[in-house]
PDB file of all heavy atoms in Angstrom:
ATOM      1  N   LEU A   1     -21.344  11.168 -11.880  1.00  0.00           N
ATOM      2  CA  LEU A   1     -21.322  10.666 -13.251  1.00  0.00           C
ATOM      3  C   LEU A   1     -20.096  11.169 -13.986  1.00  0.00           C
ATOM      4  O   LEU A   1     -19.524  10.465 -14.814  1.00  0.00           O
ATOM      5  CB  LEU A   1     -22.609  11.067 -13.982  1.00  0.00           C
ATOM      6  CG  LEU A   1     -23.882  10.440 -13.401  1.00  0.00           C
ATOM      7  CD1 LEU A   1     -25.103  10.904 -14.187  1.00  0.00           C
ATOM      8  CD2 LEU A   1     -23.800   8.924 -13.433  1.00  0.00           C
ATOM      9  N   GLY A   2     -19.669  12.388 -13.672  1.00  0.00           N
ATOM     10  CA  GLY A   2     -18.469  12.913 -14.297  1.00  0.00           C
ATOM     11  C   GLY A   2     -17.220  12.239 -13.763  1.00  0.00           C
ATOM     12  O   GLY A   2     -16.221  12.111 -14.475  1.00  0.00           O
ATOM     13  N   GLN A   3     -17.282  11.779 -12.490  1.00  0.00           N
ATOM     14  CA  GLN A   3     -16.116  11.157 -11.875  1.00  0.00           C
ATOM     15  C   GLN A   3     -15.962   9.700 -12.275  1.00  0.00           C
ATOM     16  O   GLN A   3     -14.930   9.091 -12.039  1.00  0.00           O
ATOM     17  CB  GLN A   3     -16.217  11.235 -10.341  1.00  0.00           C
ATOM     18  CG  GLN A   3     -16.054  12.621  -9.771  1.00  0.00           C
ATOM     19  CD  GLN A   3     -14.637  13.105  -9.863  1.00  0.00           C
ATOM     20  OE1 GLN A   3     -13.718  12.328 -10.024  1.00  0.00           O
ATOM     21  NE2 GLN A   3     -14.444  14.403  -9.767  1.00  0.00           N
ATOM     22  N   ILE A   4     -17.001   9.113 -12.886  1.00  0.00           N
ATOM     23  CA  ILE A   4     -16.960   7.686 -13.151  1.00  0.00           C
ATOM     24  C   ILE A   4     -15.753   7.304 -13.999  1.00  0.00           C
ATOM     25  O   ILE A   4     -15.074   6.319 -13.728  1.00  0.00           O
ATOM     26  CB  ILE A   4     -18.282   7.226 -13.811  1.00  0.00           C
ATOM     27  CG1 ILE A   4     -18.318   5.694 -13.907  1.00  0.00           C
ATOM     28  CG2 ILE A   4     -18.475   7.815 -15.176  1.00  0.00           C
ATOM     29  CD1 ILE A   4     -19.691   5.179 -14.313  1.00  0.00           C
ATOM     30  N   GLY A   5     -15.465   8.097 -15.026  1.00  0.00           N
ATOM     31  CA  GLY A   5     -14.303   7.800 -15.860  1.00  0.00           C
ATOM     32  C   GLY A   5     -13.014   7.968 -15.094  1.00  0.00           C
ATOM     33  O   GLY A   5     -12.100   7.148 -15.196  1.00  0.00           O
ATOM     34  N   LEU A   6     -12.944   9.027 -14.259  1.00  0.00           N
ATOM     35  CA  LEU A   6     -11.727   9.288 -13.492  1.00  0.00           C
ATOM     36  C   LEU A   6     -11.467   8.177 -12.484  1.00  0.00           C
ATOM     37  O   LEU A   6     -10.377   7.630 -12.410  1.00  0.00           O
ATOM     38  CB  LEU A   6     -11.854  10.629 -12.759  1.00  0.00           C
ATOM     39  CG  LEU A   6     -10.745  10.937 -11.746  1.00  0.00           C
ATOM     40  CD1 LEU A   6      -9.401  11.020 -12.430  1.00  0.00           C
ATOM     41  CD2 LEU A   6     -11.060  12.215 -10.998  1.00  0.00           C
ATOM     42  N   ILE A   7     -12.506   7.812 -11.715  1.00  0.00           N
ATOM     43  CA  ILE A   7     -12.316   6.820 -10.674  1.00  0.00           C
ATOM     44  C   ILE A   7     -12.023   5.451 -11.284  1.00  0.00           C
ATOM     45  O   ILE A   7     -11.122   4.740 -10.856  1.00  0.00           O
ATOM     46  CB  ILE A   7     -13.550   6.759  -9.752  1.00  0.00           C
ATOM     47  CG1 ILE A   7     -13.706   8.102  -9.026  1.00  0.00           C
ATOM     48  CG2 ILE A   7     -13.420   5.626  -8.744  1.00  0.00           C
ATOM     49  CD1 ILE A   7     -14.949   8.200  -8.184  1.00  0.00           C
ATOM     50  N   ALA A   8     -12.783   5.085 -12.308  1.00  0.00           N
ATOM     51  CA  ALA A   8     -12.523   3.810 -12.973  1.00  0.00           C
ATOM     52  C   ALA A   8     -11.125   3.815 -13.568  1.00  0.00           C
ATOM     53  O   ALA A   8     -10.423   2.805 -13.561  1.00  0.00           O
ATOM     54  CB  ALA A   8     -13.565   3.560 -14.048  1.00  0.00           C
ATOM     55  N   GLY A   9     -10.717   4.967 -14.081  1.00  0.00           N
ATOM     56  CA  GLY A   9      -9.378   5.077 -14.649  1.00  0.00           C
ATOM     57  C   GLY A   9      -8.302   4.903 -13.597  1.00  0.00           C
ATOM     58  O   GLY A   9      -7.289   4.245 -13.831  1.00  0.00           O
ATOM     59  N   LEU A  10      -8.553   5.467 -12.407  1.00  0.00           N
ATOM     60  CA  LEU A  10      -7.564   5.313 -11.342  1.00  0.00           C
ATOM     61  C   LEU A  10      -7.445   3.859 -10.912  1.00  0.00           C
ATOM     62  O   LEU A  10      -6.380   3.398 -10.531  1.00  0.00           O
ATOM     63  CB  LEU A  10      -7.967   6.173 -10.136  1.00  0.00           C
ATOM     64  CG  LEU A  10      -7.688   7.675 -10.251  1.00  0.00           C
ATOM     65  CD1 LEU A  10      -8.338   8.416  -9.104  1.00  0.00           C
ATOM     66  CD2 LEU A  10      -6.203   7.940 -10.277  1.00  0.00           C
ATOM     67  N   ILE A  11      -8.557   3.142 -10.989  1.00  0.00           N
ATOM     68  CA  ILE A  11      -8.530   1.741 -10.591  1.00  0.00           C
ATOM     69  C   ILE A  11      -7.892   0.881 -11.672  1.00  0.00           C
ATOM     70  O   ILE A  11      -7.075   0.015 -11.410  1.00  0.00           O
ATOM     71  CB  ILE A  11      -9.964   1.246 -10.283  1.00  0.00           C
ATOM     72  CG1 ILE A  11     -10.502   1.961  -9.038  1.00  0.00           C
ATOM     73  CG2 ILE A  11     -10.003  -0.259 -10.076  1.00  0.00           C
ATOM     74  CD1 ILE A  11     -11.959   1.701  -8.770  1.00  0.00           C
ATOM     75  N   ALA A  12      -8.266   1.123 -12.934  1.00  0.00           N
ATOM     76  CA  ALA A  12      -7.870   0.224 -14.006  1.00  0.00           C
ATOM     77  C   ALA A  12      -6.576   0.612 -14.689  1.00  0.00           C
ATOM     78  O   ALA A  12      -5.869  -0.222 -15.217  1.00  0.00           O
ATOM     79  CB  ALA A  12      -8.983   0.143 -15.047  1.00  0.00           C
ATOM     80  N   VAL A  13      -6.273   1.887 -14.742  1.00  0.00           N
ATOM     81  CA  VAL A  13      -5.024   2.346 -15.348  1.00  0.00           C
ATOM     82  C   VAL A  13      -4.277   3.128 -14.288  1.00  0.00           C
ATOM     83  O   VAL A  13      -4.556   4.299 -14.062  1.00  0.00           O
ATOM     84  CB  VAL A  13      -5.280   3.229 -16.580  1.00  0.00           C
ATOM     85  CG1 VAL A  13      -3.959   3.671 -17.186  1.00  0.00           C
ATOM     86  CG2 VAL A  13      -6.105   2.465 -17.608  1.00  0.00           C
ATOM     87  N   PRO A  14      -3.346   2.522 -13.592  1.00  0.00           N
ATOM     88  CA  PRO A  14      -2.725   3.148 -12.428  1.00  0.00           C
ATOM     89  C   PRO A  14      -2.046   4.465 -12.773  1.00  0.00           C
ATOM     90  O   PRO A  14      -1.238   4.528 -13.678  1.00  0.00           O
ATOM     91  CB  PRO A  14      -1.684   2.115 -11.975  1.00  0.00           C
ATOM     92  CG  PRO A  14      -2.121   0.834 -12.613  1.00  0.00           C
ATOM     93  CD  PRO A  14      -2.782   1.216 -13.897  1.00  0.00           C
ATOM     94  N   GLU A  15      -2.374   5.492 -12.033  1.00  0.00           N
ATOM     95  CA  GLU A  15      -1.641   6.747 -12.106  1.00  0.00           C
ATOM     96  C   GLU A  15      -0.422   6.614 -11.192  1.00  0.00           C
ATOM     97  O   GLU A  15      -0.368   5.764 -10.303  1.00  0.00           O
ATOM     98  CB  GLU A  15      -2.518   7.909 -11.652  1.00  0.00           C
ATOM     99  CG  GLU A  15      -3.758   8.128 -12.506  1.00  0.00           C
ATOM    100  CD  GLU A  15      -3.421   8.630 -13.907  1.00  0.00           C
ATOM    101  OE1 GLU A  15      -2.313   9.186 -14.076  1.00  0.00           O
ATOM    102  OE2 GLU A  15      -4.240   8.464 -14.813  1.00  0.00           O
ATOM    103  N   LEU A  16       0.526   7.476 -11.384  1.00  0.00           N
ATOM    104  CA  LEU A  16       1.748   7.380 -10.589  1.00  0.00           C
ATOM    105  C   LEU A  16       1.486   7.507  -9.103  1.00  0.00           C
ATOM    106  O   LEU A  16       2.148   6.866  -8.283  1.00  0.00           O
ATOM    107  CB  LEU A  16       2.736   8.454 -11.041  1.00  0.00           C
ATOM    108  CG  LEU A  16       3.105   8.448 -12.526  1.00  0.00           C
ATOM    109  CD1 LEU A  16       4.150   9.517 -12.796  1.00  0.00           C
ATOM    110  CD2 LEU A  16       3.624   7.088 -12.950  1.00  0.00           C
ATOM    111  N   VAL A  17       0.511   8.344  -8.738  1.00  0.00           N
ATOM    112  CA  VAL A  17       0.310   8.622  -7.314  1.00  0.00           C
ATOM    113  C   VAL A  17      -0.440   7.525  -6.604  1.00  0.00           C
ATOM    114  O   VAL A  17      -0.676   7.628  -5.409  1.00  0.00           O
ATOM    115  CB  VAL A  17      -0.446   9.953  -7.108  1.00  0.00           C
ATOM    116  CG1 VAL A  17       0.368  11.117  -7.561  1.00  0.00           C
ATOM    117  CG2 VAL A  17      -1.798   9.919  -7.812  1.00  0.00           C
ATOM    118  N   GLN A  18      -0.818   6.434  -7.269  1.00  0.00           N
ATOM    119  CA  GLN A  18      -1.588   5.424  -6.573  1.00  0.00           C
ATOM    120  C   GLN A  18      -0.781   4.744  -5.469  1.00  0.00           C
ATOM    121  O   GLN A  18      -1.329   4.120  -4.576  1.00  0.00           O
ATOM    122  CB  GLN A  18      -2.131   4.382  -7.538  1.00  0.00           C
ATOM    123  CG  GLN A  18      -1.183   3.239  -7.847  1.00  0.00           C
ATOM    124  CD  GLN A  18      -1.945   2.045  -8.394  1.00  0.00           C
ATOM    125  OE1 GLN A  18      -2.648   2.159  -9.370  1.00  0.00           O
ATOM    126  NE2 GLN A  18      -1.825   0.921  -7.739  1.00  0.00           N
ATOM    127  N   PHE A  19       0.546   4.878  -5.515  1.00  0.00           N
ATOM    128  CA  PHE A  19       1.366   4.293  -4.468  1.00  0.00           C
ATOM    129  C   PHE A  19       1.293   5.103  -3.181  1.00  0.00           C
ATOM    130  O   PHE A  19       1.656   4.624  -2.126  1.00  0.00           O
ATOM    131  CB  PHE A  19       2.836   4.234  -4.920  1.00  0.00           C
ATOM    132  CG  PHE A  19       3.126   3.069  -5.821  1.00  0.00           C
ATOM    133  CD1 PHE A  19       2.521   2.969  -7.047  1.00  0.00           C
ATOM    134  CD2 PHE A  19       4.020   2.092  -5.428  1.00  0.00           C
ATOM    135  CE1 PHE A  19       2.799   1.902  -7.883  1.00  0.00           C
ATOM    136  CE2 PHE A  19       4.310   1.023  -6.264  1.00  0.00           C
ATOM    137  CZ  PHE A  19       3.688   0.925  -7.495  1.00  0.00           C
ATOM    138  N   ALA A  20       0.856   6.345  -3.279  1.00  0.00           N
ATOM    139  CA  ALA A  20       0.922   7.246  -2.127  1.00  0.00           C
ATOM    140  C   ALA A  20      -0.345   7.189  -1.300  1.00  0.00           C
ATOM    141  O   ALA A  20      -1.425   6.960  -1.806  1.00  0.00           O
ATOM    142  CB  ALA A  20       1.154   8.679  -2.599  1.00  0.00           C
ATOM    143  N   ASP A  21      -0.200   7.417   0.015  1.00  0.00           N
ATOM    144  CA  ASP A  21      -1.377   7.568   0.871  1.00  0.00           C
ATOM    145  C   ASP A  21      -2.249   8.687   0.363  1.00  0.00           C
ATOM    146  O   ASP A  21      -3.463   8.662   0.478  1.00  0.00           O
ATOM    147  CB  ASP A  21      -0.946   7.911   2.309  1.00  0.00           C
ATOM    148  CG  ASP A  21      -0.409   6.688   3.038  1.00  0.00           C
ATOM    149  OD1 ASP A  21      -0.554   5.578   2.514  1.00  0.00           O
ATOM    150  OD2 ASP A  21       0.170   6.873   4.113  1.00  0.00           O
ATOM    151  N   ILE A  22      -1.611   9.695  -0.195  1.00  0.00           N
ATOM    152  CA  ILE A  22      -2.332  10.862  -0.672  1.00  0.00           C
ATOM    153  C   ILE A  22      -3.353  10.483  -1.734  1.00  0.00           C
ATOM    154  O   ILE A  22      -4.400  11.099  -1.869  1.00  0.00           O
ATOM    155  CB  ILE A  22      -1.348  11.913  -1.227  1.00  0.00           C
ATOM    156  CG1 ILE A  22      -2.008  13.274  -1.374  1.00  0.00           C
ATOM    157  CG2 ILE A  22      -0.788  11.511  -2.571  1.00  0.00           C
ATOM    158  CD1 ILE A  22      -1.034  14.359  -1.736  1.00  0.00           C
ATOM    159  N   ALA A  23      -3.090   9.427  -2.489  1.00  0.00           N
ATOM    160  CA  ALA A  23      -4.033   8.993  -3.513  1.00  0.00           C
ATOM    161  C   ALA A  23      -5.306   8.472  -2.868  1.00  0.00           C
ATOM    162  O   ALA A  23      -6.406   8.764  -3.318  1.00  0.00           O
ATOM    163  CB  ALA A  23      -3.407   7.909  -4.386  1.00  0.00           C
ATOM    164  N   ASN A  24      -5.154   7.684  -1.812  1.00  0.00           N
ATOM    165  CA  ASN A  24      -6.329   7.172  -1.127  1.00  0.00           C
ATOM    166  C   ASN A  24      -7.126   8.300  -0.500  1.00  0.00           C
ATOM    167  O   ASN A  24      -8.354   8.279  -0.477  1.00  0.00           O
ATOM    168  CB  ASN A  24      -5.917   6.165  -0.051  1.00  0.00           C
ATOM    169  CG  ASN A  24      -5.280   4.924  -0.646  1.00  0.00           C
ATOM    170  OD1 ASN A  24      -5.660   4.508  -1.729  1.00  0.00           O
ATOM    171  ND2 ASN A  24      -4.301   4.357   0.045  1.00  0.00           N
ATOM    172  N   GLN A  25      -6.428   9.303   0.020  1.00  0.00           N
ATOM    173  CA  GLN A  25      -7.131  10.456   0.564  1.00  0.00           C
ATOM    174  C   GLN A  25      -7.870  11.184  -0.542  1.00  0.00           C
ATOM    175  O   GLN A  25      -8.996  11.628  -0.372  1.00  0.00           O
ATOM    176  CB  GLN A  25      -6.139  11.409   1.233  1.00  0.00           C
ATOM    177  CG  GLN A  25      -5.508  10.845   2.486  1.00  0.00           C
ATOM    178  CD  GLN A  25      -4.422  11.747   3.007  1.00  0.00           C
ATOM    179  OE1 GLN A  25      -4.261  12.864   2.534  1.00  0.00           O
ATOM    180  NE2 GLN A  25      -3.673  11.281   3.972  1.00  0.00           N
ATOM    181  N   GLY A  26      -7.225  11.300  -1.685  1.00  0.00           N
ATOM    182  CA  GLY A  26      -7.849  11.987  -2.802  1.00  0.00           C
ATOM    183  C   GLY A  26      -9.134  11.313  -3.224  1.00  0.00           C
ATOM    184  O   GLY A  26     -10.107  11.960  -3.587  1.00  0.00           O
ATOM    185  N   MET A  27      -9.179   9.966  -3.183  1.00  0.00           N
ATOM    186  CA  MET A  27     -10.386   9.234  -3.513  1.00  0.00           C
ATOM    187  C   MET A  27     -11.442   9.463  -2.441  1.00  0.00           C
ATOM    188  O   MET A  27     -12.585   9.771  -2.721  1.00  0.00           O
ATOM    189  CB  MET A  27     -10.077   7.739  -3.612  1.00  0.00           C
ATOM    190  CG  MET A  27      -9.168   7.378  -4.759  1.00  0.00           C
ATOM    191  SD  MET A  27     -10.043   7.250  -6.310  1.00  0.00           S
ATOM    192  CE  MET A  27     -10.911   5.694  -6.047  1.00  0.00           C
ATOM    193  N   GLY A  28     -11.042   9.303  -1.180  1.00  0.00           N
ATOM    194  CA  GLY A  28     -12.000   9.399  -0.094  1.00  0.00           C
ATOM    195  C   GLY A  28     -12.502  10.799   0.141  1.00  0.00           C
ATOM    196  O   GLY A  28     -13.611  11.003   0.617  1.00  0.00           O
ATOM    197  N   LEU A  29     -11.674  11.807  -0.174  1.00  0.00           N
ATOM    198  CA  LEU A  29     -12.043  13.179   0.116  1.00  0.00           C
ATOM    199  C   LEU A  29     -12.323  13.978  -1.150  1.00  0.00           C
ATOM    200  O   LEU A  29     -12.218  15.187  -1.164  1.00  0.00           O
ATOM    201  CB  LEU A  29     -10.918  13.859   0.922  1.00  0.00           C
ATOM    202  CG  LEU A  29     -10.526  13.158   2.226  1.00  0.00           C
ATOM    203  CD1 LEU A  29      -9.457  13.948   2.940  1.00  0.00           C
ATOM    204  CD2 LEU A  29     -11.725  12.981   3.120  1.00  0.00           C
ATOM    205  N   VAL A  30     -12.698  13.266  -2.213  1.00  0.00           N
ATOM    206  CA  VAL A  30     -12.950  13.963  -3.467  1.00  0.00           C
ATOM    207  C   VAL A  30     -14.058  14.992  -3.314  1.00  0.00           C
ATOM    208  O   VAL A  30     -14.107  15.974  -4.016  1.00  0.00           O
ATOM    209  CB  VAL A  30     -13.314  12.963  -4.585  1.00  0.00           C
ATOM    210  CG1 VAL A  30     -14.639  12.288  -4.335  1.00  0.00           C
ATOM    211  CG2 VAL A  30     -13.348  13.653  -5.947  1.00  0.00           C
ATOM    212  N   PHE A  31     -14.930  14.783  -2.338  1.00  0.00           N
ATOM    213  CA  PHE A  31     -16.058  15.687  -2.170  1.00  0.00           C
ATOM    214  C   PHE A  31     -15.689  16.982  -1.466  1.00  0.00           C
ATOM    215  O   PHE A  31     -16.528  17.836  -1.249  1.00  0.00           O
ATOM    216  CB  PHE A  31     -17.169  14.982  -1.387  1.00  0.00           C
ATOM    217  CG  PHE A  31     -17.482  13.623  -1.921  1.00  0.00           C
ATOM    218  CD1 PHE A  31     -17.515  12.522  -1.093  1.00  0.00           C
ATOM    219  CD2 PHE A  31     -17.726  13.438  -3.276  1.00  0.00           C
ATOM    220  CE1 PHE A  31     -17.782  11.256  -1.602  1.00  0.00           C
ATOM    221  CE2 PHE A  31     -18.001  12.180  -3.789  1.00  0.00           C
ATOM    222  CZ  PHE A  31     -18.022  11.094  -2.945  1.00  0.00           C
ATOM    223  N   LEU A  32     -14.418  17.138  -1.088  1.00  0.00           N
ATOM    224  CA  LEU A  32     -14.010  18.356  -0.401  1.00  0.00           C
ATOM    225  C   LEU A  32     -13.672  19.487  -1.366  1.00  0.00           C
ATOM    226  O   LEU A  32     -13.408  20.590  -0.942  1.00  0.00           O
ATOM    227  CB  LEU A  32     -12.796  18.066   0.488  1.00  0.00           C
ATOM    228  CG  LEU A  32     -13.040  17.073   1.616  1.00  0.00           C
ATOM    229  CD1 LEU A  32     -11.797  16.949   2.469  1.00  0.00           C
ATOM    230  CD2 LEU A  32     -14.218  17.471   2.456  1.00  0.00           C
TER     231      LEU A  32
END
């Protein structure tokens, strides 16, 4: 529930790192 704003924000308002593979890892491995 706390991540909902962050994740939706990453999808709807692109952060600079969204171009990087590292961004996709950050989404997929947020639970680490």
